[in-house]
Amino acid sequence: MQVIEVKNPATLDSLTLTERPDPTPGPGEICVRVRASSLNYHDYAVVSGVLPTADGRIPMSDGAGEVVAVGAGVDAFAVGDRVMSTFFPHWPAGPVSAERTRGVPGDHVDGFAAELVCMPATAFTAIPAGYSMEEAATLPCAALTAWRALFVENAVRAGDWVLTQGSGGVSVFALQMAKAVGARVIATSSSQAKLERLGALGADHLINYKETPEWGVRANELSGGRGVDVVVEIGGAGTLPQSIEATRVGGHISLIGVLAGWGGEVPTAALMWKNIRLAGITVGSIEDQRNMVAALEATGIRPVIDRTFPLAQLADAFRHQASQQHFGKICVSL
């Protein structure tokens, strides 16, 4: 089978297309013919050397495909089933813990930049009915992160105010999910063209943060001076002060990214005075994923895919991601 390996020191130029023997499933495992994967910032951090990983690691945390073989003792799946991966295969349900966040594909263990993958059956769920493989491959990291930010750590409902940042996978999913339950969404971007696309997806208000540096103040005004209920925070310390400004007293900030800086000054007094709950969020549990799949099927939400690259052009896919020109998810087709 063909795979992509990360050679240390990890850079995009170190990504190498090579051959490995076809795997066979052991007890409790299934073998999946991978049809698609999708890019996340976590994957970029692995292949660019930001996160250290083993030499020769097969990257990519997301994968979707068909079951081609079933190991002894597996009764949850059968040959021919359409499945997708889970980001945390050891987190079945309940609260997060250090033990439950180990074993991330494409980082702690080999991932889905491979034609065939054998993993425990518990590392997969069914994909939504009617989804293509590329659509399904966008869900395990980005969509589940948005789902947990809105509906696990919070209970967003009709009439609530949600603020999203940018037009990457998590932000677009958060916009779609929030609108599906009747929430009001304020979306930010530095690109007028992307803002127009966010508006077409249903965003109620649009803010160009380059033209309006105090976008937190503007978001507060747009919500009638009340402040937003939930911010899906992808920037980190670089955008957190404005997110705090935008959030209502007793509101919630779901911190799911650090694209605008790993550290910096945070107005802790405002965070305290407003009684804002700030929660770090990394994806979610397998139970969360199954609940999300049911919701996607019920609402008819479909992922927004920017471009699809063949496996051999994985490095080019990451270069496209790094250019920040994409809208929604970038996929890889096998």
C-alpha atoms as a PDB file:
ATOM      1  CA  MET A   1       0.000   0.000   0.000  1.00  0.00           C
ATOM      2  CA  GLN A   2       1.034   3.642  -0.476  1.00  0.00           C
ATOM      3  CA  VAL A   3       1.560   5.878   2.549  1.00  0.00           C
ATOM      4  CA  ILE A   4       3.000   9.292   3.325  1.00  0.00           C
ATOM      5  CA  GLU A   5       5.680   9.407   6.015  1.00  0.00           C
ATOM      6  CA  VAL A   6       7.061  12.358   7.974  1.00  0.00           C
ATOM      7  CA  LYS A   7      10.849  12.248   8.039  1.00  0.00           C
ATOM      8  CA  ASN A   8      12.669  14.038  10.874  1.00  0.00           C
ATOM      9  CA  PRO A   9      13.469  16.870  11.035  1.00  0.00           C
ATOM     10  CA  ALA A  10       9.856  17.354  10.019  1.00  0.00           C
ATOM     11  CA  THR A  11       9.144  19.874   7.265  1.00  0.00           C
ATOM     12  CA  LEU A  12       6.691  19.900   4.394  1.00  0.00           C
ATOM     13  CA  ASP A  13       9.563  18.916   2.114  1.00  0.00           C
ATOM     14  CA  SER A  14      10.197  15.853   4.309  1.00  0.00           C
ATOM     15  CA  LEU A  15       6.819  14.315   3.488  1.00  0.00           C
ATOM     16  CA  THR A  16       7.660  11.160   1.546  1.00  0.00           C
ATOM     17  CA  LEU A  17       5.403   8.899  -0.522  1.00  0.00           C
ATOM     18  CA  THR A  18       6.467   5.298   0.039  1.00  0.00           C
ATOM     19  CA  GLU A  19       5.263   1.690   0.099  1.00  0.00           C
ATOM     20  CA  ARG A  20       4.465  -0.445   3.135  1.00  0.00           C
ATOM     21  CA  PRO A  21       3.083  -3.984   3.382  1.00  0.00           C
ATOM     22  CA  ASP A  22      -0.701  -4.235   3.536  1.00  0.00           C
ATOM     23  CA  PRO A  23      -1.782  -4.628   7.183  1.00  0.00           C
ATOM     24  CA  THR A  24      -4.137  -7.281   8.546  1.00  0.00           C
ATOM     25  CA  PRO A  25      -6.469  -6.730  11.507  1.00  0.00           C
ATOM     26  CA  GLY A  26      -5.713  -8.325  14.848  1.00  0.00           C
ATOM     27  CA  PRO A  27      -8.271  -9.270  17.501  1.00  0.00           C
ATOM     28  CA  GLY A  28     -10.649  -6.391  18.143  1.00  0.00           C
ATOM     29  CA  GLU A  29      -9.458  -4.484  15.062  1.00  0.00           C
ATOM     30  CA  ILE A  30     -10.917  -3.590  11.691  1.00  0.00           C
ATOM     31  CA  CYS A  31      -9.055  -2.840   8.480  1.00  0.00           C
ATOM     32  CA  VAL A  32     -10.288   0.214   6.593  1.00  0.00           C
ATOM     33  CA  ARG A  33      -9.543   1.164   3.007  1.00  0.00           C
ATOM     34  CA  VAL A  34      -9.060   4.905   3.431  1.00  0.00           C
ATOM     35  CA  ARG A  35     -10.803   6.976   0.787  1.00  0.00           C
ATOM     36  CA  ALA A  36     -10.313  10.471   2.161  1.00  0.00           C
ATOM     37  CA  SER A  37      -8.698  12.579   4.862  1.00  0.00           C
ATOM     38  CA  SER A  38      -8.824  16.280   5.720  1.00  0.00           C
ATOM     39  CA  LEU A  39      -6.337  18.834   7.009  1.00  0.00           C
ATOM     40  CA  ASN A  40      -6.391  20.338  10.496  1.00  0.00           C
ATOM     41  CA  TYR A  41      -4.024  22.749  12.194  1.00  0.00           C
ATOM     42  CA  HIS A  42      -2.928  19.872  14.429  1.00  0.00           C
ATOM     43  CA  ASP A  43      -1.815  17.949  11.346  1.00  0.00           C
ATOM     44  CA  TYR A  44       0.100  20.963  10.085  1.00  0.00           C
ATOM     45  CA  ALA A  45       1.860  21.249  13.446  1.00  0.00           C
ATOM     46  CA  VAL A  46       2.978  17.619  13.131  1.00  0.00           C
ATOM     47  CA  VAL A  47       4.259  17.762   9.546  1.00  0.00           C
ATOM     48  CA  SER A  48       5.974  21.133  10.022  1.00  0.00           C
ATOM     49  CA  GLY A  49       7.836  20.098  13.178  1.00  0.00           C
ATOM     50  CA  VAL A  50       5.925  22.287  15.647  1.00  0.00           C
ATOM     51  CA  LEU A  51       4.807  19.116  17.430  1.00  0.00           C
ATOM     52  CA  PRO A  52       7.546  16.483  17.694  1.00  0.00           C
ATOM     53  CA  THR A  53       6.668  13.048  16.403  1.00  0.00           C
ATOM     54  CA  ALA A  54       8.383   9.778  15.572  1.00  0.00           C
ATOM     55  CA  ASP A  55      10.535   9.543  12.459  1.00  0.00           C
ATOM     56  CA  GLY A  56       8.537   7.853   9.711  1.00  0.00           C
ATOM     57  CA  ARG A  57       5.175   8.658  11.294  1.00  0.00           C
ATOM     58  CA  ILE A  58       2.184   8.450   8.946  1.00  0.00           C
ATOM     59  CA  PRO A  59       0.345  11.762   9.504  1.00  0.00           C
ATOM     60  CA  MET A  60      -3.323  12.827   9.394  1.00  0.00           C
ATOM     61  CA  SER A  61      -5.794  12.433  12.246  1.00  0.00           C
ATOM     62  CA  ASP A  62      -8.945  12.350  10.095  1.00  0.00           C
ATOM     63  CA  GLY A  63      -9.948   9.468   7.867  1.00  0.00           C
ATOM     64  CA  ALA A  64     -12.996   7.962   6.187  1.00  0.00           C
ATOM     65  CA  GLY A  65     -13.344   4.757   4.197  1.00  0.00           C
ATOM     66  CA  GLU A  66     -14.832   1.281   3.933  1.00  0.00           C
ATOM     67  CA  VAL A  67     -14.248  -1.711   6.183  1.00  0.00           C
ATOM     68  CA  VAL A  68     -12.442  -4.405   4.161  1.00  0.00           C
ATOM     69  CA  ALA A  69     -11.588  -6.886   6.934  1.00  0.00           C
ATOM     70  CA  VAL A  70     -12.711  -7.568  10.512  1.00  0.00           C
ATOM     71  CA  GLY A  71     -10.610  -9.084  13.274  1.00  0.00           C
ATOM     72  CA  ALA A  72     -11.683 -11.681  15.811  1.00  0.00           C
ATOM     73  CA  GLY A  73     -14.180 -10.500  18.398  1.00  0.00           C
ATOM     74  CA  VAL A  74     -15.490  -7.523  16.425  1.00  0.00           C
ATOM     75  CA  ASP A  75     -19.273  -7.356  16.047  1.00  0.00           C
ATOM     76  CA  ALA A  76     -19.804  -3.566  15.801  1.00  0.00           C
ATOM     77  CA  PHE A  77     -18.760  -3.420  12.123  1.00  0.00           C
ATOM     78  CA  ALA A  78     -18.910  -5.656   9.067  1.00  0.00           C
ATOM     79  CA  VAL A  79     -17.102  -5.674   5.734  1.00  0.00           C
ATOM     80  CA  GLY A  80     -18.517  -2.920   3.544  1.00  0.00           C
ATOM     81  CA  ASP A  81     -19.470  -0.555   6.372  1.00  0.00           C
ATOM     82  CA  ARG A  82     -18.659   3.121   5.765  1.00  0.00           C
ATOM     83  CA  VAL A  83     -16.764   4.510   8.741  1.00  0.00           C
ATOM     84  CA  MET A  84     -14.783   7.491   9.927  1.00  0.00           C
ATOM     85  CA  SER A  85     -12.061   7.862  12.509  1.00  0.00           C
ATOM     86  CA  THR A  86     -12.170   9.325  16.001  1.00  0.00           C
ATOM     87  CA  PHE A  87      -9.572  11.868  17.143  1.00  0.00           C
ATOM     88  CA  PHE A  88      -9.403  10.411  20.660  1.00  0.00           C
ATOM     89  CA  PRO A  89      -9.970   6.646  20.244  1.00  0.00           C
ATOM     90  CA  HIS A  90      -9.561   6.056  24.004  1.00  0.00           C
ATOM     91  CA  TRP A  91     -12.206   8.592  25.105  1.00  0.00           C
ATOM     92  CA  PRO A  92     -15.515   6.723  24.910  1.00  0.00           C
ATOM     93  CA  ALA A  93     -17.609   9.182  26.939  1.00  0.00           C
ATOM     94  CA  GLY A  94     -17.652  11.300  30.081  1.00  0.00           C
ATOM     95  CA  PRO A  95     -15.145  13.914  31.220  1.00  0.00           C
ATOM     96  CA  VAL A  96     -11.767  14.420  29.581  1.00  0.00           C
ATOM     97  CA  SER A  97      -8.612  13.012  31.170  1.00  0.00           C
ATOM     98  CA  ALA A  98      -4.951  12.644  30.263  1.00  0.00           C
ATOM     99  CA  GLU A  99      -5.383   8.920  29.615  1.00  0.00           C
ATOM    100  CA  ARG A 100      -8.363   9.498  27.323  1.00  0.00           C
ATOM    101  CA  THR A 101      -6.498  11.958  25.113  1.00  0.00           C
ATOM    102  CA  ARG A 102      -3.650   9.590  24.235  1.00  0.00           C
ATOM    103  CA  GLY A 103      -3.306   7.689  20.975  1.00  0.00           C
ATOM    104  CA  VAL A 104      -4.152  10.501  18.538  1.00  0.00           C
ATOM    105  CA  PRO A 105      -3.822   9.175  14.948  1.00  0.00           C
ATOM    106  CA  GLY A 106      -1.157  10.909  12.893  1.00  0.00           C
ATOM    107  CA  ASP A 107       0.659  12.072  16.017  1.00  0.00           C
ATOM    108  CA  HIS A 108       0.924   9.505  18.827  1.00  0.00           C
ATOM    109  CA  VAL A 109       0.325   6.617  16.383  1.00  0.00           C
ATOM    110  CA  ASP A 110       0.256   6.274  12.598  1.00  0.00           C
ATOM    111  CA  GLY A 111      -2.630   8.097  10.953  1.00  0.00           C
ATOM    112  CA  PHE A 112      -4.697   8.158   7.784  1.00  0.00           C
ATOM    113  CA  ALA A 113      -2.285   9.238   5.041  1.00  0.00           C
ATOM    114  CA  ALA A 114      -2.352   5.575   4.006  1.00  0.00           C
ATOM    115  CA  GLU A 115      -4.391   3.447   1.653  1.00  0.00           C
ATOM    116  CA  LEU A 116      -5.128   0.865   4.367  1.00  0.00           C
ATOM    117  CA  VAL A 117      -5.353   1.303   8.140  1.00  0.00           C
ATOM    118  CA  CYS A 118      -5.885  -1.332  10.841  1.00  0.00           C
ATOM    119  CA  MET A 119      -7.011   0.018  14.214  1.00  0.00           C
ATOM    120  CA  PRO A 120      -9.263  -1.054  17.092  1.00  0.00           C
ATOM    121  CA  ALA A 121     -12.926  -1.021  16.113  1.00  0.00           C
ATOM    122  CA  THR A 122     -13.486   1.448  18.946  1.00  0.00           C
ATOM    123  CA  ALA A 123     -11.459   3.997  16.937  1.00  0.00           C
ATOM    124  CA  PHE A 124     -14.295   4.401  14.400  1.00  0.00           C
ATOM    125  CA  THR A 125     -17.928   5.422  14.116  1.00  0.00           C
ATOM    126  CA  ALA A 126     -20.415   5.269  11.268  1.00  0.00           C
ATOM    127  CA  ILE A 127     -20.493   8.258   8.935  1.00  0.00           C
ATOM    128  CA  PRO A 128     -23.650  10.322   8.344  1.00  0.00           C
ATOM    129  CA  ALA A 129     -26.053   8.818   5.817  1.00  0.00           C
ATOM    130  CA  GLY A 130     -25.571  10.250   2.345  1.00  0.00           C
ATOM    131  CA  TYR A 131     -22.189  11.811   3.032  1.00  0.00           C
ATOM    132  CA  SER A 132     -19.358  11.402   0.557  1.00  0.00           C
ATOM    133  CA  MET A 133     -16.067  10.096   1.881  1.00  0.00           C
ATOM    134  CA  GLU A 134     -14.516  13.567   1.573  1.00  0.00           C
ATOM    135  CA  GLU A 135     -17.415  15.098   3.525  1.00  0.00           C
ATOM    136  CA  ALA A 136     -17.126  12.457   6.232  1.00  0.00           C
ATOM    137  CA  ALA A 137     -13.376  13.002   6.520  1.00  0.00           C
ATOM    138  CA  THR A 138     -13.943  16.638   7.540  1.00  0.00           C
ATOM    139  CA  LEU A 139     -15.876  15.682  10.679  1.00  0.00           C
ATOM    140  CA  PRO A 140     -13.740  13.898  13.322  1.00  0.00           C
ATOM    141  CA  CYS A 141     -11.651  16.910  14.347  1.00  0.00           C
ATOM    142  CA  ALA A 142     -13.117  20.202  13.096  1.00  0.00           C
ATOM    143  CA  ALA A 143     -16.831  19.455  13.206  1.00  0.00           C
ATOM    144  CA  LEU A 144     -16.643  17.669  16.552  1.00  0.00           C
ATOM    145  CA  THR A 145     -14.687  20.561  18.044  1.00  0.00           C
ATOM    146  CA  ALA A 146     -17.425  22.971  16.951  1.00  0.00           C
ATOM    147  CA  TRP A 147     -20.103  20.602  18.261  1.00  0.00           C
ATOM    148  CA  ARG A 148     -18.499  20.351  21.680  1.00  0.00           C
ATOM    149  CA  ALA A 149     -17.949  24.116  21.851  1.00  0.00           C
ATOM    150  CA  LEU A 150     -21.634  24.804  21.207  1.00  0.00           C
ATOM    151  CA  PHE A 151     -23.571  21.840  22.572  1.00  0.00           C
ATOM    152  CA  VAL A 152     -21.440  19.906  25.061  1.00  0.00           C
ATOM    153  CA  GLU A 153     -19.682  22.657  26.996  1.00  0.00           C
ATOM    154  CA  ASN A 154     -22.687  24.871  26.288  1.00  0.00           C
ATOM    155  CA  ALA A 155     -26.342  24.441  25.374  1.00  0.00           C
ATOM    156  CA  VAL A 156     -26.757  26.911  22.519  1.00  0.00           C
ATOM    157  CA  ARG A 157     -30.390  27.334  21.541  1.00  0.00           C
ATOM    158  CA  ALA A 158     -32.651  29.531  19.421  1.00  0.00           C
ATOM    159  CA  GLY A 159     -32.113  33.230  20.049  1.00  0.00           C
ATOM    160  CA  ASP A 160     -28.643  32.910  21.561  1.00  0.00           C
ATOM    161  CA  TRP A 161     -25.768  35.003  20.212  1.00  0.00           C
ATOM    162  CA  VAL A 162     -22.682  33.162  18.933  1.00  0.00           C
ATOM    163  CA  LEU A 163     -19.483  34.787  17.665  1.00  0.00           C
ATOM    164  CA  THR A 164     -17.236  32.892  15.247  1.00  0.00           C
ATOM    165  CA  GLN A 165     -13.779  33.885  14.037  1.00  0.00           C
ATOM    166  CA  GLY A 166     -12.526  33.417  10.498  1.00  0.00           C
ATOM    167  CA  SER A 167     -13.499  30.923   7.827  1.00  0.00           C
ATOM    168  CA  GLY A 168     -11.580  27.752   8.681  1.00  0.00           C
ATOM    169  CA  GLY A 169     -13.183  24.388   9.249  1.00  0.00           C
ATOM    170  CA  VAL A 170     -14.171  24.783  12.917  1.00  0.00           C
ATOM    171  CA  SER A 171     -15.550  28.284  12.418  1.00  0.00           C
ATOM    172  CA  VAL A 172     -17.645  27.355   9.383  1.00  0.00           C
ATOM    173  CA  PHE A 173     -19.040  24.284  11.140  1.00  0.00           C
ATOM    174  CA  ALA A 174     -19.833  26.389  14.223  1.00  0.00           C
ATOM    175  CA  LEU A 175     -21.720  28.891  12.047  1.00  0.00           C
ATOM    176  CA  GLN A 176     -23.717  26.141  10.348  1.00  0.00           C
ATOM    177  CA  MET A 177     -24.530  24.346  13.599  1.00  0.00           C
ATOM    178  CA  ALA A 178     -25.505  27.502  15.453  1.00  0.00           C
ATOM    179  CA  LYS A 179     -27.837  28.599  12.651  1.00  0.00           C
ATOM    180  CA  ALA A 180     -29.391  25.119  12.516  1.00  0.00           C
ATOM    181  CA  VAL A 181     -30.758  25.610  16.049  1.00  0.00           C
ATOM    182  CA  GLY A 182     -31.867  29.194  15.456  1.00  0.00           C
ATOM    183  CA  ALA A 183     -29.004  31.069  17.103  1.00  0.00           C
ATOM    184  CA  ARG A 184     -27.847  34.481  15.891  1.00  0.00           C
ATOM    185  CA  VAL A 185     -24.289  34.500  14.583  1.00  0.00           C
ATOM    186  CA  ILE A 186     -21.717  37.268  14.315  1.00  0.00           C
ATOM    187  CA  ALA A 187     -18.849  36.223  12.047  1.00  0.00           C
ATOM    188  CA  THR A 188     -15.466  37.917  11.702  1.00  0.00           C
ATOM    189  CA  SER A 189     -12.857  37.802   8.936  1.00  0.00           C
ATOM    190  CA  SER A 190     -10.243  40.067   7.359  1.00  0.00           C
ATOM    191  CA  SER A 191     -11.458  39.219   3.841  1.00  0.00           C
ATOM    192  CA  GLN A 192     -14.527  40.881   2.366  1.00  0.00           C
ATOM    193  CA  ALA A 193     -14.973  37.995  -0.079  1.00  0.00           C
ATOM    194  CA  LYS A 194     -14.939  35.486   2.770  1.00  0.00           C
ATOM    195  CA  LEU A 195     -17.351  37.613   4.793  1.00  0.00           C
ATOM    196  CA  GLU A 196     -19.778  37.501   1.884  1.00  0.00           C
ATOM    197  CA  ARG A 197     -19.549  33.708   1.835  1.00  0.00           C
ATOM    198  CA  LEU A 198     -20.097  33.586   5.604  1.00  0.00           C
ATOM    199  CA  GLY A 199     -23.176  35.737   5.092  1.00  0.00           C
ATOM    200  CA  ALA A 200     -24.422  33.350   2.425  1.00  0.00           C
ATOM    201  CA  LEU A 201     -24.129  30.528   4.970  1.00  0.00           C
ATOM    202  CA  GLY A 202     -26.431  32.433   7.301  1.00  0.00           C
ATOM    203  CA  ALA A 203     -24.285  34.729   9.470  1.00  0.00           C
ATOM    204  CA  ASP A 204     -26.541  37.515  10.761  1.00  0.00           C
ATOM    205  CA  HIS A 205     -23.784  40.098  11.180  1.00  0.00           C
ATOM    206  CA  LEU A 206     -20.336  40.405   9.608  1.00  0.00           C
ATOM    207  CA  ILE A 207     -17.280  42.221  10.957  1.00  0.00           C
ATOM    208  CA  ASN A 208     -14.062  42.880   9.053  1.00  0.00           C
ATOM    209  CA  TYR A 209     -11.576  42.847  11.925  1.00  0.00           C
ATOM    210  CA  LYS A 210      -8.929  44.694   9.914  1.00  0.00           C
ATOM    211  CA  GLU A 211     -11.313  47.574   9.308  1.00  0.00           C
ATOM    212  CA  THR A 212     -12.711  47.316  12.861  1.00  0.00           C
ATOM    213  CA  PRO A 213      -9.843  46.467  15.244  1.00  0.00           C
ATOM    214  CA  GLU A 214     -12.186  46.887  18.236  1.00  0.00           C
ATOM    215  CA  TRP A 215     -14.439  44.160  16.873  1.00  0.00           C
ATOM    216  CA  GLY A 216     -15.346  43.002  20.370  1.00  0.00           C
ATOM    217  CA  VAL A 217     -16.946  46.371  21.044  1.00  0.00           C
ATOM    218  CA  ARG A 218     -18.805  46.161  17.736  1.00  0.00           C
ATOM    219  CA  ALA A 219     -20.066  42.643  18.510  1.00  0.00           C
ATOM    220  CA  ASN A 220     -21.343  43.882  21.849  1.00  0.00           C
ATOM    221  CA  GLU A 221     -23.207  46.686  20.064  1.00  0.00           C
ATOM    222  CA  LEU A 222     -24.698  44.294  17.510  1.00  0.00           C
ATOM    223  CA  SER A 223     -26.123  42.161  20.314  1.00  0.00           C
ATOM    224  CA  GLY A 224     -27.914  45.203  21.696  1.00  0.00           C
ATOM    225  CA  GLY A 225     -25.264  45.946  24.309  1.00  0.00           C
ATOM    226  CA  ARG A 226     -25.936  42.627  26.035  1.00  0.00           C
ATOM    227  CA  GLY A 227     -22.915  40.752  24.710  1.00  0.00           C
ATOM    228  CA  VAL A 228     -22.745  37.355  23.002  1.00  0.00           C
ATOM    229  CA  ASP A 229     -23.488  34.115  24.789  1.00  0.00           C
ATOM    230  CA  VAL A 230     -20.675  32.045  23.262  1.00  0.00           C
ATOM    231  CA  VAL A 231     -17.445  32.866  21.451  1.00  0.00           C
ATOM    232  CA  VAL A 232     -15.756  30.139  19.412  1.00  0.00           C
ATOM    233  CA  GLU A 233     -12.215  31.406  19.994  1.00  0.00           C
ATOM    234  CA  ILE A 234      -9.635  30.225  17.458  1.00  0.00           C
ATOM    235  CA  GLY A 235      -7.045  32.975  17.870  1.00  0.00           C
ATOM    236  CA  GLY A 236      -5.848  32.509  21.428  1.00  0.00           C
ATOM    237  CA  ALA A 237      -4.098  35.239  23.352  1.00  0.00           C
ATOM    238  CA  GLY A 238      -3.956  37.532  20.327  1.00  0.00           C
ATOM    239  CA  THR A 239      -7.736  37.761  20.022  1.00  0.00           C
ATOM    240  CA  LEU A 240      -8.881  36.878  23.534  1.00  0.00           C
ATOM    241  CA  PRO A 241      -9.107  40.487  24.788  1.00  0.00           C
ATOM    242  CA  GLN A 242     -11.651  41.357  22.096  1.00  0.00           C
ATOM    243  CA  SER A 243     -13.523  38.105  22.712  1.00  0.00           C
ATOM    244  CA  ILE A 244     -13.826  39.036  26.391  1.00  0.00           C
ATOM    245  CA  GLU A 245     -15.099  42.457  25.332  1.00  0.00           C
ATOM    246  CA  ALA A 246     -17.723  40.798  23.118  1.00  0.00           C
ATOM    247  CA  THR A 247     -18.980  38.286  25.709  1.00  0.00           C
ATOM    248  CA  ARG A 248     -21.914  38.947  27.993  1.00  0.00           C
ATOM    249  CA  VAL A 249     -21.787  38.735  31.764  1.00  0.00           C
ATOM    250  CA  GLY A 250     -21.957  35.040  32.576  1.00  0.00           C
ATOM    251  CA  GLY A 251     -21.122  34.068  28.988  1.00  0.00           C
ATOM    252  CA  HIS A 252     -18.706  31.452  27.716  1.00  0.00           C
ATOM    253  CA  ILE A 253     -15.565  31.460  25.585  1.00  0.00           C
ATOM    254  CA  SER A 254     -14.631  28.134  24.002  1.00  0.00           C
ATOM    255  CA  LEU A 255     -10.880  28.337  23.383  1.00  0.00           C
ATOM    256  CA  ILE A 256     -10.117  25.932  20.568  1.00  0.00           C
ATOM    257  CA  GLY A 257      -7.080  27.448  18.849  1.00  0.00           C
ATOM    258  CA  VAL A 258      -3.996  29.622  19.206  1.00  0.00           C
ATOM    259  CA  LEU A 259      -3.642  30.920  15.649  1.00  0.00           C
ATOM    260  CA  ALA A 260      -3.020  34.491  16.852  1.00  0.00           C
ATOM    261  CA  GLY A 261      -0.385  33.635  19.439  1.00  0.00           C
ATOM    262  CA  TRP A 262       0.690  31.056  22.003  1.00  0.00           C
ATOM    263  CA  GLY A 263       0.796  33.596  24.818  1.00  0.00           C
ATOM    264  CA  GLY A 264       0.196  37.243  25.640  1.00  0.00           C
ATOM    265  CA  GLU A 265      -1.573  39.671  27.891  1.00  0.00           C
ATOM    266  CA  VAL A 266      -5.123  38.789  28.872  1.00  0.00           C
ATOM    267  CA  PRO A 267      -7.473  41.213  30.676  1.00  0.00           C
ATOM    268  CA  THR A 268      -8.106  38.916  33.612  1.00  0.00           C
ATOM    269  CA  ALA A 269      -9.990  41.593  35.560  1.00  0.00           C
ATOM    270  CA  ALA A 270     -12.623  41.837  32.813  1.00  0.00           C
ATOM    271  CA  LEU A 271     -12.791  38.039  32.634  1.00  0.00           C
ATOM    272  CA  MET A 272     -13.417  37.931  36.372  1.00  0.00           C
ATOM    273  CA  TRP A 273     -15.811  40.868  36.563  1.00  0.00           C
ATOM    274  CA  LYS A 274     -17.976  39.473  33.779  1.00  0.00           C
ATOM    275  CA  ASN A 275     -17.963  35.998  35.370  1.00  0.00           C
ATOM    276  CA  ILE A 276     -17.024  34.572  31.968  1.00  0.00           C
ATOM    277  CA  ARG A 277     -16.308  30.855  31.731  1.00  0.00           C
ATOM    278  CA  LEU A 278     -13.205  30.227  29.636  1.00  0.00           C
ATOM    279  CA  ALA A 279     -12.775  26.584  28.612  1.00  0.00           C
ATOM    280  CA  GLY A 280     -10.034  25.010  26.569  1.00  0.00           C
ATOM    281  CA  ILE A 281     -11.507  22.532  24.084  1.00  0.00           C
ATOM    282  CA  THR A 282      -9.742  19.815  22.113  1.00  0.00           C
ATOM    283  CA  VAL A 283     -12.211  17.878  19.972  1.00  0.00           C
ATOM    284  CA  GLY A 284     -14.455  15.492  21.974  1.00  0.00           C
ATOM    285  CA  SER A 285     -15.433  11.958  22.945  1.00  0.00           C
ATOM    286  CA  ILE A 286     -16.707   9.087  20.805  1.00  0.00           C
ATOM    287  CA  GLU A 287     -20.158   9.539  22.355  1.00  0.00           C
ATOM    288  CA  ASP A 288     -20.036  13.213  21.358  1.00  0.00           C
ATOM    289  CA  GLN A 289     -19.189  12.166  17.810  1.00  0.00           C
ATOM    290  CA  ARG A 290     -22.135   9.792  17.566  1.00  0.00           C
ATOM    291  CA  ASN A 291     -24.469  12.501  18.895  1.00  0.00           C
ATOM    292  CA  MET A 292     -23.061  14.942  16.349  1.00  0.00           C
ATOM    293  CA  VAL A 293     -23.632  12.477  13.494  1.00  0.00           C
ATOM    294  CA  ALA A 294     -27.289  12.150  14.521  1.00  0.00           C
ATOM    295  CA  ALA A 295     -27.632  15.933  14.569  1.00  0.00           C
ATOM    296  CA  LEU A 296     -26.014  16.328  11.151  1.00  0.00           C
ATOM    297  CA  GLU A 297     -28.398  13.778   9.681  1.00  0.00           C
ATOM    298  CA  ALA A 298     -31.388  15.511  11.297  1.00  0.00           C
ATOM    299  CA  THR A 299     -30.442  19.019  10.167  1.00  0.00           C
ATOM    300  CA  GLY A 300     -29.021  18.247   6.726  1.00  0.00           C
ATOM    301  CA  ILE A 301     -25.828  20.225   7.344  1.00  0.00           C
ATOM    302  CA  ARG A 302     -23.165  19.473   4.719  1.00  0.00           C
ATOM    303  CA  PRO A 303     -19.471  20.358   5.092  1.00  0.00           C
ATOM    304  CA  VAL A 304     -17.959  23.165   3.053  1.00  0.00           C
ATOM    305  CA  ILE A 305     -14.951  21.801   1.148  1.00  0.00           C
ATOM    306  CA  ASP A 306     -12.482  24.247  -0.338  1.00  0.00           C
ATOM    307  CA  ARG A 307     -10.219  21.947  -2.395  1.00  0.00           C
ATOM    308  CA  THR A 308      -9.291  18.281  -2.640  1.00  0.00           C
ATOM    309  CA  PHE A 309      -5.741  17.076  -3.300  1.00  0.00           C
ATOM    310  CA  PRO A 310      -4.472  13.571  -4.158  1.00  0.00           C
ATOM    311  CA  LEU A 311      -2.387  11.816  -1.521  1.00  0.00           C
ATOM    312  CA  ALA A 312       0.846  12.346  -3.456  1.00  0.00           C
ATOM    313  CA  GLN A 313       0.281  16.118  -3.241  1.00  0.00           C
ATOM    314  CA  LEU A 314      -0.202  16.232   0.538  1.00  0.00           C
ATOM    315  CA  ALA A 315       2.624  18.761   0.944  1.00  0.00           C
ATOM    316  CA  ASP A 316       0.896  21.072  -1.563  1.00  0.00           C
ATOM    317  CA  ALA A 317      -2.329  20.698   0.390  1.00  0.00           C
ATOM    318  CA  PHE A 318      -0.537  21.904   3.529  1.00  0.00           C
ATOM    319  CA  ARG A 319       1.002  24.797   1.600  1.00  0.00           C
ATOM    320  CA  HIS A 320      -2.492  25.807   0.543  1.00  0.00           C
ATOM    321  CA  GLN A 321      -3.576  25.606   4.179  1.00  0.00           C
ATOM    322  CA  ALA A 322      -0.623  27.746   5.274  1.00  0.00           C
ATOM    323  CA  SER A 323      -1.543  30.402   2.696  1.00  0.00           C
ATOM    324  CA  GLN A 324      -4.825  30.949   4.600  1.00  0.00           C
ATOM    325  CA  GLN A 325      -6.652  31.403   1.321  1.00  0.00           C
ATOM    326  CA  HIS A 326      -9.004  28.489   1.934  1.00  0.00           C
ATOM    327  CA  PHE A 327     -12.632  28.657   3.021  1.00  0.00           C
ATOM    328  CA  GLY A 328     -13.860  25.646   4.987  1.00  0.00           C
ATOM    329  CA  LYS A 329     -12.017  22.333   4.820  1.00  0.00           C
ATOM    330  CA  ILE A 330      -9.161  21.058   2.651  1.00  0.00           C
ATOM    331  CA  CYS A 331      -9.422  17.369   1.784  1.00  0.00           C
ATOM    332  CA  VAL A 332      -7.143  14.608   0.550  1.00  0.00           C
ATOM    333  CA  SER A 333      -8.542  11.905  -1.713  1.00  0.00           C
ATOM    334  CA  LEU A 334      -7.019   8.443  -1.867  1.00  0.00           C
END
